[in-house]
Protein backbone atom coordinates (compact mmCIF):
# COMPACT_ATOMS: atom_id res chain seq x y z
CA MET A 1 8.21 13.63 6.38
CA LYS A 2 10.00 14.95 3.57
CA ILE A 3 11.96 11.62 3.19
CA ASN A 4 8.89 9.51 1.74
CA ASN A 5 6.33 12.23 0.53
CA LEU A 6 3.66 10.98 2.96
CA GLU A 7 2.62 14.34 3.62
CA THR A 8 2.75 14.90 -0.03
CA PHE A 9 0.73 11.87 -0.49
CA LYS A 10 -1.75 13.43 2.22
CA ASN A 11 -2.47 16.51 0.10
CA ILE A 12 -3.21 14.69 -3.17
CA ILE A 13 -5.92 12.61 -2.10
CA SER A 14 -7.45 15.63 -0.13
CA ASN A 15 -7.51 16.50 -3.43
CA ARG A 16 -8.24 14.36 -5.45
CA MET A 17 -7.80 10.04 -6.26
CA ALA A 18 -3.99 9.36 -6.18
CA PHE A 19 -2.80 6.65 -8.45
CA GLY A 20 0.45 4.13 -8.38
CA THR A 21 1.75 0.81 -9.33
CA CYS A 22 2.86 -2.46 -7.86
CA ILE A 23 6.45 -2.63 -7.93
CA SER A 24 8.37 -6.52 -7.78
CA PHE A 25 11.08 -6.16 -9.95
CA HIS A 26 14.22 -5.61 -7.37
CA ASP A 27 15.72 -3.13 -9.98
CA ALA A 28 15.06 0.13 -8.42
CA SER A 29 15.22 1.62 -11.30
CA ILE A 30 11.61 0.50 -12.03
CA SER A 31 10.14 2.51 -9.05
CA GLU A 32 12.18 5.70 -10.18
CA ILE A 33 10.56 5.38 -13.59
CA ALA A 34 7.42 5.23 -11.84
CA ALA A 35 7.74 8.20 -9.81
CA ASP A 36 9.32 9.89 -13.00
CA SER A 37 6.12 9.49 -15.30
CA GLY A 38 3.85 10.77 -12.50
CA MET A 39 2.59 7.57 -10.42
CA ASP A 40 1.67 9.08 -6.56
CA PHE A 41 2.87 6.46 -5.08
CA CYS A 42 4.63 3.16 -5.64
CA TRP A 43 3.60 -0.15 -3.44
CA ILE A 44 7.03 -1.48 -3.37
CA ASP A 45 5.83 -5.69 -3.21
CA MET A 46 7.64 -8.33 -0.81
CA GLU A 47 5.26 -10.83 -0.59
CA HIS A 48 4.90 -12.01 -4.31
CA GLY A 49 8.25 -10.13 -5.54
CA ILE A 50 11.13 -11.44 -5.49
CA MET A 51 12.99 -8.75 -3.18
CA ASN A 52 14.71 -8.88 -0.05
CA LEU A 53 15.60 -5.93 2.46
CA THR A 54 18.54 -3.98 0.48
CA ASP A 55 16.21 -4.26 -2.91
CA VAL A 56 13.35 -2.62 -1.09
CA MET A 57 15.61 0.02 0.82
CA TYR A 58 16.56 0.76 -2.94
CA HIS A 59 13.57 1.38 -4.18
CA ILE A 60 12.32 3.33 -0.94
CA MET A 61 15.53 5.88 -1.87
CA ALA A 62 14.81 6.00 -5.29
CA LEU A 63 12.06 7.61 -4.69
CA ARG A 64 13.32 10.16 -2.38
CA GLY A 65 13.14 13.55 -4.04
CA THR A 66 10.57 12.94 -6.51
CA ASP A 67 6.54 13.48 -5.04
CA CYS A 68 6.15 9.43 -5.10
CA ALA A 69 5.32 7.90 -1.67
CA ALA A 70 6.67 5.01 -1.32
CA PHE A 71 4.82 1.89 0.71
CA VAL A 72 5.59 -1.61 1.11
CA ARG A 73 3.47 -4.81 1.40
CA VAL A 74 5.28 -6.74 3.82
CA PRO A 75 5.40 -10.58 3.22
CA GLU A 76 3.16 -11.32 6.54
CA ASN A 77 2.14 -9.82 9.91
CA SER A 78 5.23 -10.88 11.95
CA PRO A 79 6.66 -8.19 13.98
CA THR A 80 10.20 -8.83 13.04
CA CYS A 81 9.74 -8.20 9.29
CA ILE A 82 7.86 -5.12 10.26
CA LYS A 83 10.55 -3.89 12.07
CA HIS A 84 12.88 -4.50 9.48
CA VAL A 85 11.20 -2.54 7.09
CA ILE A 86 9.92 0.39 9.09
CA ASP A 87 13.57 1.59 9.93
CA LEU A 88 14.19 1.95 6.15
CA ALA A 89 10.88 4.63 6.75
CA PRO A 90 8.70 3.99 3.65
CA ALA A 91 5.34 6.12 4.32
CA GLY A 92 3.19 3.36 4.61
CA ILE A 93 3.05 -0.43 5.80
CA ILE A 94 1.18 -2.60 3.79
CA VAL A 95 0.15 -5.79 5.55
CA PRO A 96 -1.75 -8.81 3.55
CA MET A 97 -4.23 -10.81 4.51
CA VAL A 98 -5.60 -9.01 7.84
CA ASN A 99 -8.84 -11.02 8.96
CA THR A 100 -9.19 -10.05 12.22
CA ALA A 101 -9.05 -7.68 15.06
CA GLU A 102 -6.45 -9.29 16.63
CA ASP A 103 -4.31 -9.67 13.52
CA ALA A 104 -5.12 -5.82 12.89
CA GLU A 105 -3.89 -5.04 16.05
CA LYS A 106 -0.65 -6.73 15.97
CA MET A 107 0.02 -4.38 13.04
CA VAL A 108 -0.57 -1.88 14.83
CA ARG A 109 2.01 -2.90 17.98
CA ALA A 110 4.54 -3.71 15.49
CA CYS A 111 4.32 -0.26 13.70
CA ARG A 112 4.62 1.64 17.39
CA PHE A 113 6.38 2.40 20.02
CA PRO A 114 5.74 1.28 23.43
CA MET A 115 5.02 4.61 25.28
CA GLU A 116 2.33 5.11 22.45
CA GLY A 117 1.27 1.53 22.73
CA GLY A 118 3.10 -1.22 20.84
CA ASN A 119 5.98 -2.55 20.95
CA ARG A 120 8.45 -1.46 17.95
CA GLY A 121 12.33 -1.90 18.16
CA PHE A 122 14.23 1.19 17.97
CA GLY A 123 16.02 1.63 15.21
CA PRO A 124 16.07 5.03 14.02
CA ARG A 125 18.19 4.97 10.57
CA ARG A 126 16.97 6.72 7.75
CA GLY A 127 13.41 7.90 9.81
CA SER A 128 15.64 10.35 11.88
CA LEU A 129 17.88 10.94 8.78
CA TYR A 130 20.67 8.81 9.67
CA GLY A 131 20.87 11.12 13.39
CA LYS A 132 20.34 14.42 11.57
CA VAL A 133 16.56 14.72 12.92
CA GLY A 134 16.80 14.45 16.79
CA MET A 135 15.25 12.01 18.98
CA ARG A 136 12.60 14.22 19.99
CA GLU A 137 11.51 15.18 17.07
CA PHE A 138 12.07 11.54 15.32
CA PHE A 139 9.48 9.78 18.33
CA GLU A 140 7.18 12.61 17.51
CA MET A 141 6.94 11.76 14.09
CA SER A 142 6.74 7.80 14.70
CA LYS A 143 3.68 8.27 16.16
CA THR A 144 1.95 8.77 12.88
CA GLU A 145 4.41 7.69 10.51
CA PRO A 146 4.45 5.05 8.51
CA TRP A 147 0.80 5.00 7.99
CA ILE A 148 -0.64 1.40 9.12
CA ILE A 149 -2.76 -0.17 6.19
CA PRO A 150 -4.46 -3.56 6.23
CA GLN A 151 -5.18 -5.33 3.81
CA ILE A 152 -8.44 -6.58 3.15
CA GLU A 153 -8.66 -9.49 1.03
CA HIS A 154 -10.60 -12.36 2.31
CA VAL A 155 -14.11 -13.07 3.09
CA GLN A 156 -13.15 -13.58 7.12
CA ALA A 157 -12.20 -10.15 6.81
CA VAL A 158 -15.39 -8.74 5.76
CA GLU A 159 -16.78 -10.96 8.51
CA ASN A 160 -15.35 -8.87 11.10
CA LEU A 161 -14.71 -5.92 9.00
CA ASP A 162 -16.43 -4.07 11.99
CA SER A 163 -13.91 -4.91 14.41
CA ILE A 164 -11.30 -4.69 12.53
CA LEU A 165 -12.04 -0.87 11.53
CA SER A 166 -12.21 -0.54 15.33
CA VAL A 167 -8.99 -1.21 15.63
CA GLU A 168 -6.99 2.13 17.20
CA GLY A 169 -4.30 3.20 14.66
CA ILE A 170 -5.08 2.58 11.32
CA ASP A 171 -4.58 4.41 8.73
CA SER A 172 -6.01 3.44 5.50
CA ILE A 173 -7.43 0.18 4.43
CA CYS A 174 -6.13 -1.91 1.02
CA ILE A 175 -8.77 -3.61 -0.52
CA GLY A 176 -7.41 -6.99 -2.47
CA PRO A 177 -10.02 -7.55 -4.75
CA TYR A 178 -8.97 -10.89 -6.34
CA ASP A 179 -7.60 -12.30 -3.20
CA LEU A 180 -11.00 -11.54 -1.99
CA SER A 181 -13.32 -12.46 -5.32
CA CYS A 182 -11.24 -16.13 -5.07
CA SER A 183 -12.24 -16.38 -1.24
CA MET A 184 -15.61 -15.86 -2.01
CA GLY A 185 -15.92 -18.41 -4.70
CA LYS A 186 -16.21 -16.29 -7.20
CA PRO A 187 -12.36 -15.53 -9.01
CA GLY A 188 -11.78 -12.74 -10.77
CA MET A 189 -15.44 -11.84 -11.20
CA MET A 190 -15.81 -8.32 -10.50
CA GLU A 191 -18.48 -7.50 -12.31
CA ASP A 192 -20.83 -10.28 -9.87
CA PRO A 193 -23.18 -8.46 -8.27
CA GLU A 194 -22.51 -9.91 -4.55
CA VAL A 195 -18.47 -9.02 -5.68
CA LYS A 196 -19.24 -5.59 -6.36
CA SER A 197 -21.49 -5.36 -3.70
CA VAL A 198 -18.71 -6.61 -1.25
CA PHE A 199 -16.29 -3.84 -2.16
CA ASP A 200 -18.91 -1.59 -1.71
CA GLU A 201 -19.80 -2.71 1.84
CA ILE A 202 -15.78 -2.12 2.74
CA CYS A 203 -15.45 1.19 1.25
CA ALA A 204 -18.62 2.99 2.91
CA LYS A 205 -18.07 1.39 6.04
CA ALA A 206 -14.18 2.54 6.14
CA LEU A 207 -15.33 5.99 5.01
CA ALA A 208 -17.39 6.36 7.94
CA LYS A 209 -14.98 5.64 10.31
CA GLY A 210 -12.92 8.46 9.01
CA ILE A 211 -10.31 5.57 7.15
CA VAL A 212 -8.91 6.07 3.78
CA VAL A 213 -9.56 3.58 1.41
CA GLY A 214 -7.25 1.96 -0.75
CA ALA A 215 -7.07 -0.83 -3.54
CA TYR A 216 -5.52 -2.52 -6.52
CA GLY A 217 -8.05 -1.48 -8.65
CA GLY A 218 -6.62 -1.86 -12.20
CA ASN A 219 -8.25 -0.24 -14.62
CA ASP A 220 -11.84 0.48 -13.31
CA TYR A 221 -11.24 3.67 -12.22
CA GLN A 222 -14.58 4.75 -12.38
CA ALA A 223 -16.53 2.28 -10.27
CA TRP A 224 -13.08 2.62 -7.14
CA LYS A 225 -13.77 5.94 -7.38
CA SER A 226 -17.63 5.76 -7.23
CA ARG A 227 -17.18 3.95 -3.79
CA GLY A 228 -15.15 7.14 -2.57
CA ALA A 229 -11.64 5.13 -3.04
CA ASN A 230 -8.73 7.86 -1.92
CA TRP A 231 -6.20 5.52 -3.72
CA ILE A 232 -5.86 2.76 -6.15
CA SER A 233 -2.96 0.85 -7.85
CA LEU A 234 -3.11 0.52 -11.69
CA ALA A 235 -0.79 -2.59 -12.43
CA PHE A 236 2.28 -4.48 -11.67
CA ASP A 237 5.17 -3.66 -12.98
CA GLU A 238 5.00 -6.79 -15.31
CA GLY A 239 1.82 -6.27 -16.81
CA ALA A 240 2.45 -2.81 -17.62
CA ILE A 241 5.47 -3.52 -19.65
CA SER A 242 3.99 -6.65 -20.92
CA GLN A 243 0.69 -4.98 -22.15
CA SER A 244 3.20 -2.17 -23.44
CA TYR A 245 4.98 -4.70 -25.29
CA ARG A 246 2.00 -6.34 -26.58
CA SER A 247 0.44 -2.87 -27.82
CA MET A 248 3.73 -1.83 -29.59
CA LEU A 249 4.01 -5.26 -31.72
CA ALA A 250 0.35 -4.90 -32.63
CA GLU A 251 1.06 -1.11 -33.82
CA ALA A 252 4.12 -2.36 -35.77
CA SER A 253 2.54 -5.07 -37.14
CA LYS A 254 0.22 -3.60 -39.43
CA VAL A 255 3.12 -2.63 -41.72
CA ASN A 256 3.14 -6.37 -42.52
CA ALA A 257 -0.50 -6.83 -43.43
């Protein structure tokens, strides 16, 4: 829907890889800056960030009127947690550590209403534009929004990948390369042949199922592009700011050489 730019995002990935950033600071200005800088999506993070539900709402609202889609990573695979976030009408819900088909089924049910086989509670709020959208239209939109995005970030998920990808209702997956490499006993070793092979396998199997592939990609753009990834996050906000400051200082310090 227009309020969360999901359709805009889908149009983008039909033509090119989409780029975004992870948001961990609670100040919604960060998301506004990211959108105005041209990011295609913001991955608003409740798992590792310090945000509460109100902070998340402000981040999502800051992206309205831009072309940037709002994805929210919830802290856990909890129907109650997902319910609170889904009522804010994000473009997508990212759930961490989905390691089994049962985990995937649980998140799908939490994102869909009972008539679609789920257990989502009725709280239209922003999704109905606070009552402007009729209930029939709202329920129709709820069949496909938000996008349901399990995170594949553990070797157990790779072992169960075929059954996870067979769960009906998954729109995209999100690969967490650092957690996944840690679970393989190769923390942060992104160039390790075995780690790269697992990334290749995940992407190939998801794409073969017609499932959109996303990842925390960092600056490894070409590798993820070659795997067929549709969207990647380039950085976390704190890392981007830190890197920018360090680059500025390195350049400015030349005057003292």
